[in-house]
């Protein structure tokens, strides 16, 4: 069992207690774009099933903004790209898997 931890550079069993590795489609893509009436929105791509709704709810609460989650995207009202990246890292997603 300890082979797995050394092979994939994961913390040892004792270090990794309570460690949760979040599942994604691979990379998370965070970007800002303009929607109707030149309003800015921040979009997060790459989240799976349950995480999609949970992360959307957490980010809307943390950033005090509106938003929605559908079709594999989280759409937040406003330009929050840097704050979203920080929040995703706090939620347990790996920094190197987040693309901006």
N, C-alpha and C. Protein backbone atom coordinates (compact mmCIF):
# COMPACT_ATOMS: atom_id res chain seq x y z
N UNK A 1 0.82 -1.20 0.00
CA UNK A 1 0.00 0.00 0.00
C UNK A 1 0.86 1.26 0.00
N UNK A 2 2.01 1.21 0.65
CA UNK A 2 2.87 2.40 0.69
C UNK A 2 3.47 2.69 -0.68
N UNK A 3 3.49 1.69 -1.58
CA UNK A 3 4.01 1.90 -2.93
C UNK A 3 3.20 2.96 -3.67
N UNK A 4 1.90 2.94 -3.48
CA UNK A 4 1.02 3.88 -4.16
C UNK A 4 1.37 5.31 -3.78
N UNK A 5 1.63 5.53 -2.49
CA UNK A 5 1.90 6.88 -2.02
C UNK A 5 3.21 7.41 -2.59
N UNK A 6 4.24 6.56 -2.67
CA UNK A 6 5.52 7.03 -3.21
C UNK A 6 5.47 7.14 -4.73
N UNK A 7 4.75 6.23 -5.37
CA UNK A 7 4.69 6.22 -6.83
C UNK A 7 4.04 7.48 -7.39
N UNK A 8 2.99 7.97 -6.73
CA UNK A 8 2.25 9.12 -7.23
C UNK A 8 2.53 10.40 -6.45
N UNK A 9 3.57 10.42 -5.63
CA UNK A 9 3.98 11.59 -4.86
C UNK A 9 2.86 12.11 -3.97
N UNK A 10 2.09 11.19 -3.41
CA UNK A 10 1.04 11.55 -2.47
C UNK A 10 1.60 11.54 -1.06
N UNK A 11 0.95 12.23 -0.13
CA UNK A 11 1.41 12.15 1.25
C UNK A 11 1.27 10.72 1.76
N UNK A 12 2.09 10.34 2.74
CA UNK A 12 1.99 9.00 3.31
C UNK A 12 0.63 8.84 3.98
N UNK A 13 0.30 7.61 4.34
CA UNK A 13 -1.00 7.35 4.93
C UNK A 13 -1.24 8.21 6.16
N UNK A 14 -0.23 8.34 7.02
CA UNK A 14 -0.42 9.13 8.24
C UNK A 14 -0.56 10.61 7.92
N UNK A 15 0.17 11.10 6.91
CA UNK A 15 0.07 12.51 6.53
C UNK A 15 -1.23 12.79 5.79
N UNK A 16 -1.75 11.79 5.09
CA UNK A 16 -2.90 11.99 4.23
C UNK A 16 -4.24 11.75 4.87
N UNK A 17 -4.29 11.55 6.18
CA UNK A 17 -5.59 11.33 6.82
C UNK A 17 -6.46 12.57 6.64
N UNK A 18 -7.66 12.37 6.16
CA UNK A 18 -8.57 13.47 5.93
C UNK A 18 -8.33 14.18 4.60
N UNK A 19 -7.31 13.75 3.85
CA UNK A 19 -7.01 14.38 2.57
C UNK A 19 -8.03 13.90 1.54
N UNK A 20 -8.62 14.84 0.85
CA UNK A 20 -9.59 14.50 -0.19
C UNK A 20 -9.07 15.06 -1.50
N UNK A 21 -8.91 14.20 -2.47
CA UNK A 21 -8.49 14.64 -3.79
C UNK A 21 -9.75 14.81 -4.63
N UNK A 22 -9.99 16.02 -5.09
CA UNK A 22 -11.22 16.33 -5.82
C UNK A 22 -11.16 15.75 -7.22
N UNK A 23 -12.31 15.26 -7.68
CA UNK A 23 -12.39 14.70 -9.02
C UNK A 23 -12.80 15.78 -10.01
N UNK A 24 -12.10 15.85 -11.11
CA UNK A 24 -12.45 16.77 -12.18
C UNK A 24 -12.34 16.02 -13.50
N UNK A 25 -12.73 16.65 -14.57
CA UNK A 25 -12.57 16.05 -15.89
C UNK A 25 -11.12 16.12 -16.34
N UNK A 26 -10.27 16.63 -15.54
CA UNK A 26 -8.86 16.82 -15.87
C UNK A 26 -8.43 18.16 -15.33
N UNK A 27 -8.60 19.16 -16.12
CA UNK A 27 -8.23 20.52 -15.70
C UNK A 27 -9.49 21.35 -15.48
N UNK A 28 -9.37 22.30 -14.57
CA UNK A 28 -10.43 23.28 -14.38
C UNK A 28 -10.02 24.53 -15.14
N UNK A 29 -10.91 25.05 -15.93
CA UNK A 29 -10.62 26.26 -16.70
C UNK A 29 -11.47 27.38 -16.13
N UNK A 30 -10.81 28.48 -15.73
CA UNK A 30 -11.50 29.64 -15.16
C UNK A 30 -11.22 30.82 -16.08
N UNK A 31 -12.28 31.46 -16.58
CA UNK A 31 -12.09 32.61 -17.45
C UNK A 31 -13.26 33.58 -17.33
N UNK A 32 -13.03 34.80 -17.80
CA UNK A 32 -14.04 35.85 -17.75
C UNK A 32 -14.44 36.20 -19.18
N UNK A 33 -15.73 36.41 -19.39
CA UNK A 33 -16.22 36.78 -20.72
C UNK A 33 -17.38 37.76 -20.56
N UNK A 34 -17.77 38.38 -21.67
CA UNK A 34 -18.90 39.30 -21.65
C UNK A 34 -20.15 38.58 -22.14
N UNK A 35 -21.24 38.84 -21.47
CA UNK A 35 -22.54 38.31 -21.88
C UNK A 35 -23.42 39.48 -22.32
N UNK A 36 -24.73 39.30 -22.30
CA UNK A 36 -25.64 40.33 -22.76
C UNK A 36 -25.46 41.65 -22.00
N UNK A 37 -25.66 42.74 -22.71
CA UNK A 37 -25.54 44.10 -22.18
C UNK A 37 -24.14 44.39 -21.65
N UNK A 38 -23.12 43.74 -22.24
CA UNK A 38 -21.71 43.93 -21.86
C UNK A 38 -21.43 43.66 -20.39
N UNK A 39 -22.17 42.76 -19.79
CA UNK A 39 -21.93 42.37 -18.39
C UNK A 39 -20.87 41.28 -18.36
N UNK A 40 -19.94 41.39 -17.41
CA UNK A 40 -18.89 40.38 -17.26
C UNK A 40 -19.39 39.21 -16.42
N UNK A 41 -19.02 38.01 -16.82
CA UNK A 41 -19.30 36.80 -16.04
C UNK A 41 -18.02 35.98 -15.95
N UNK A 42 -17.87 35.25 -14.85
CA UNK A 42 -16.75 34.35 -14.67
C UNK A 42 -17.26 32.93 -14.87
N UNK A 43 -16.56 32.14 -15.67
CA UNK A 43 -17.00 30.79 -16.00
C UNK A 43 -15.96 29.78 -15.53
N UNK A 44 -16.44 28.70 -14.90
CA UNK A 44 -15.57 27.61 -14.46
C UNK A 44 -16.02 26.36 -15.20
N UNK A 45 -15.11 25.74 -15.95
CA UNK A 45 -15.38 24.50 -16.69
C UNK A 45 -14.60 23.35 -16.08
N UNK A 46 -15.15 22.15 -16.16
CA UNK A 46 -14.40 20.95 -15.81
C UNK A 46 -14.80 20.27 -14.52
N UNK A 47 -15.88 20.70 -13.88
CA UNK A 47 -16.32 20.05 -12.64
C UNK A 47 -17.26 18.91 -12.97
N UNK A 48 -17.25 17.88 -12.13
CA UNK A 48 -18.13 16.72 -12.32
C UNK A 48 -19.39 16.85 -11.47
N UNK A 49 -20.39 16.10 -11.81
CA UNK A 49 -21.69 15.96 -11.18
C UNK A 49 -22.00 16.72 -9.91
N UNK A 50 -21.85 16.06 -8.76
CA UNK A 50 -22.20 16.67 -7.48
C UNK A 50 -21.36 17.90 -7.20
N UNK A 51 -20.09 17.85 -7.57
CA UNK A 51 -19.19 18.98 -7.33
C UNK A 51 -19.68 20.24 -8.03
N UNK A 52 -20.30 20.09 -9.17
CA UNK A 52 -20.76 21.24 -9.94
C UNK A 52 -21.69 22.11 -9.11
N UNK A 53 -22.73 21.53 -8.56
CA UNK A 53 -23.69 22.30 -7.77
C UNK A 53 -23.12 22.75 -6.44
N UNK A 54 -22.32 21.90 -5.79
CA UNK A 54 -21.74 22.24 -4.50
C UNK A 54 -20.77 23.40 -4.62
N UNK A 55 -19.89 23.35 -5.62
CA UNK A 55 -18.91 24.42 -5.82
C UNK A 55 -19.62 25.71 -6.22
N UNK A 56 -20.63 25.63 -7.06
CA UNK A 56 -21.38 26.83 -7.45
C UNK A 56 -21.98 27.50 -6.22
N UNK A 57 -22.58 26.71 -5.35
CA UNK A 57 -23.19 27.26 -4.14
C UNK A 57 -22.14 27.90 -3.24
N UNK A 58 -21.01 27.21 -3.03
CA UNK A 58 -19.93 27.74 -2.19
C UNK A 58 -19.38 29.05 -2.74
N UNK A 59 -19.12 29.08 -4.05
CA UNK A 59 -18.55 30.28 -4.65
C UNK A 59 -19.52 31.45 -4.62
N UNK A 60 -20.79 31.20 -4.88
CA UNK A 60 -21.78 32.28 -4.82
C UNK A 60 -21.85 32.86 -3.42
N UNK A 61 -21.79 32.00 -2.42
CA UNK A 61 -21.83 32.46 -1.03
C UNK A 61 -20.55 33.21 -0.67
N UNK A 62 -19.41 32.65 -1.02
CA UNK A 62 -18.11 33.23 -0.67
C UNK A 62 -17.87 34.57 -1.37
N UNK A 63 -18.29 34.68 -2.63
CA UNK A 63 -18.03 35.89 -3.41
C UNK A 63 -19.20 36.87 -3.40
N UNK A 64 -20.28 36.51 -2.74
CA UNK A 64 -21.47 37.37 -2.63
C UNK A 64 -21.95 37.83 -4.01
N UNK A 65 -22.16 36.85 -4.89
CA UNK A 65 -22.63 37.18 -6.24
C UNK A 65 -23.66 36.14 -6.66
N UNK A 66 -24.37 36.45 -7.73
CA UNK A 66 -25.31 35.51 -8.29
C UNK A 66 -24.61 34.59 -9.27
N UNK A 67 -25.31 33.54 -9.65
CA UNK A 67 -24.73 32.63 -10.62
C UNK A 67 -25.59 31.41 -10.83
N UNK A 68 -25.11 30.51 -11.68
CA UNK A 68 -25.85 29.28 -11.96
C UNK A 68 -24.87 28.18 -12.33
N UNK A 69 -25.39 26.96 -12.34
CA UNK A 69 -24.58 25.81 -12.76
C UNK A 69 -25.43 24.93 -13.66
N UNK A 70 -24.95 24.72 -14.87
CA UNK A 70 -25.65 23.85 -15.81
C UNK A 70 -24.71 23.47 -16.94
N UNK A 71 -24.97 22.35 -17.56
CA UNK A 71 -24.19 21.87 -18.71
C UNK A 71 -22.69 21.81 -18.42
N UNK A 72 -22.31 21.45 -17.19
CA UNK A 72 -20.91 21.31 -16.84
C UNK A 72 -20.18 22.61 -16.60
N UNK A 73 -20.91 23.72 -16.52
CA UNK A 73 -20.31 25.04 -16.29
C UNK A 73 -20.87 25.67 -15.02
N UNK A 74 -20.02 26.43 -14.34
CA UNK A 74 -20.48 27.31 -13.27
C UNK A 74 -20.31 28.71 -13.81
N UNK A 75 -21.39 29.49 -13.82
CA UNK A 75 -21.36 30.86 -14.33
C UNK A 75 -21.65 31.79 -13.17
N UNK A 76 -20.70 32.67 -12.85
CA UNK A 76 -20.84 33.63 -11.76
C UNK A 76 -20.93 35.03 -12.34
N UNK A 77 -21.82 35.85 -11.79
CA UNK A 77 -21.96 37.22 -12.26
C UNK A 77 -20.81 38.07 -11.75
N UNK A 78 -20.13 38.75 -12.66
CA UNK A 78 -19.02 39.63 -12.29
C UNK A 78 -17.67 39.03 -12.65
N UNK A 79 -16.63 39.87 -12.55
CA UNK A 79 -15.26 39.45 -12.86
C UNK A 79 -14.58 39.01 -11.57
N UNK A 80 -14.52 37.71 -11.33
CA UNK A 80 -13.99 37.16 -10.08
C UNK A 80 -12.88 36.14 -10.32
N UNK A 81 -12.18 36.20 -11.43
CA UNK A 81 -11.25 35.14 -11.82
C UNK A 81 -10.22 34.82 -10.74
N UNK A 82 -9.52 35.83 -10.22
CA UNK A 82 -8.47 35.58 -9.22
C UNK A 82 -9.06 35.03 -7.92
N UNK A 83 -10.19 35.60 -7.51
CA UNK A 83 -10.84 35.14 -6.28
C UNK A 83 -11.35 33.71 -6.41
N UNK A 84 -11.84 33.36 -7.59
CA UNK A 84 -12.33 32.00 -7.83
C UNK A 84 -11.18 31.00 -7.73
N UNK A 85 -10.03 31.33 -8.30
CA UNK A 85 -8.88 30.43 -8.24
C UNK A 85 -8.48 30.21 -6.78
N UNK A 86 -8.40 31.29 -5.99
CA UNK A 86 -8.06 31.16 -4.57
C UNK A 86 -9.09 30.31 -3.83
N UNK A 87 -10.38 30.53 -4.12
CA UNK A 87 -11.44 29.78 -3.45
C UNK A 87 -11.39 28.30 -3.82
N UNK A 88 -11.10 27.98 -5.08
CA UNK A 88 -11.01 26.58 -5.50
C UNK A 88 -9.86 25.87 -4.79
N UNK A 89 -8.74 26.57 -4.61
CA UNK A 89 -7.61 25.99 -3.89
C UNK A 89 -8.00 25.73 -2.44
N UNK A 90 -8.73 26.67 -1.82
CA UNK A 90 -9.21 26.48 -0.45
C UNK A 90 -10.17 25.30 -0.35
N UNK A 91 -10.94 25.05 -1.41
CA UNK A 91 -11.89 23.94 -1.42
C UNK A 91 -11.21 22.60 -1.67
N UNK A 92 -9.91 22.60 -1.97
CA UNK A 92 -9.18 21.36 -2.10
C UNK A 92 -8.74 20.97 -3.49
N UNK A 93 -8.96 21.83 -4.48
CA UNK A 93 -8.51 21.54 -5.83
C UNK A 93 -7.04 21.91 -5.97
N UNK A 94 -6.30 21.15 -6.75
CA UNK A 94 -4.87 21.38 -6.91
C UNK A 94 -4.62 22.58 -7.81
N UNK A 95 -3.68 23.43 -7.38
CA UNK A 95 -3.38 24.66 -8.11
C UNK A 95 -2.91 24.39 -9.53
N UNK A 96 -2.12 23.33 -9.71
CA UNK A 96 -1.58 23.05 -11.04
C UNK A 96 -2.64 22.53 -12.02
N UNK A 97 -3.82 22.16 -11.53
CA UNK A 97 -4.90 21.70 -12.42
C UNK A 97 -5.86 22.82 -12.80
N UNK A 98 -5.63 24.03 -12.26
CA UNK A 98 -6.51 25.16 -12.54
C UNK A 98 -5.84 26.05 -13.58
N UNK A 99 -6.50 26.21 -14.72
CA UNK A 99 -5.98 27.03 -15.82
C UNK A 99 -6.78 28.32 -15.89
N UNK A 100 -6.08 29.44 -16.05
CA UNK A 100 -6.79 30.72 -16.19
C UNK A 100 -6.57 31.30 -17.56
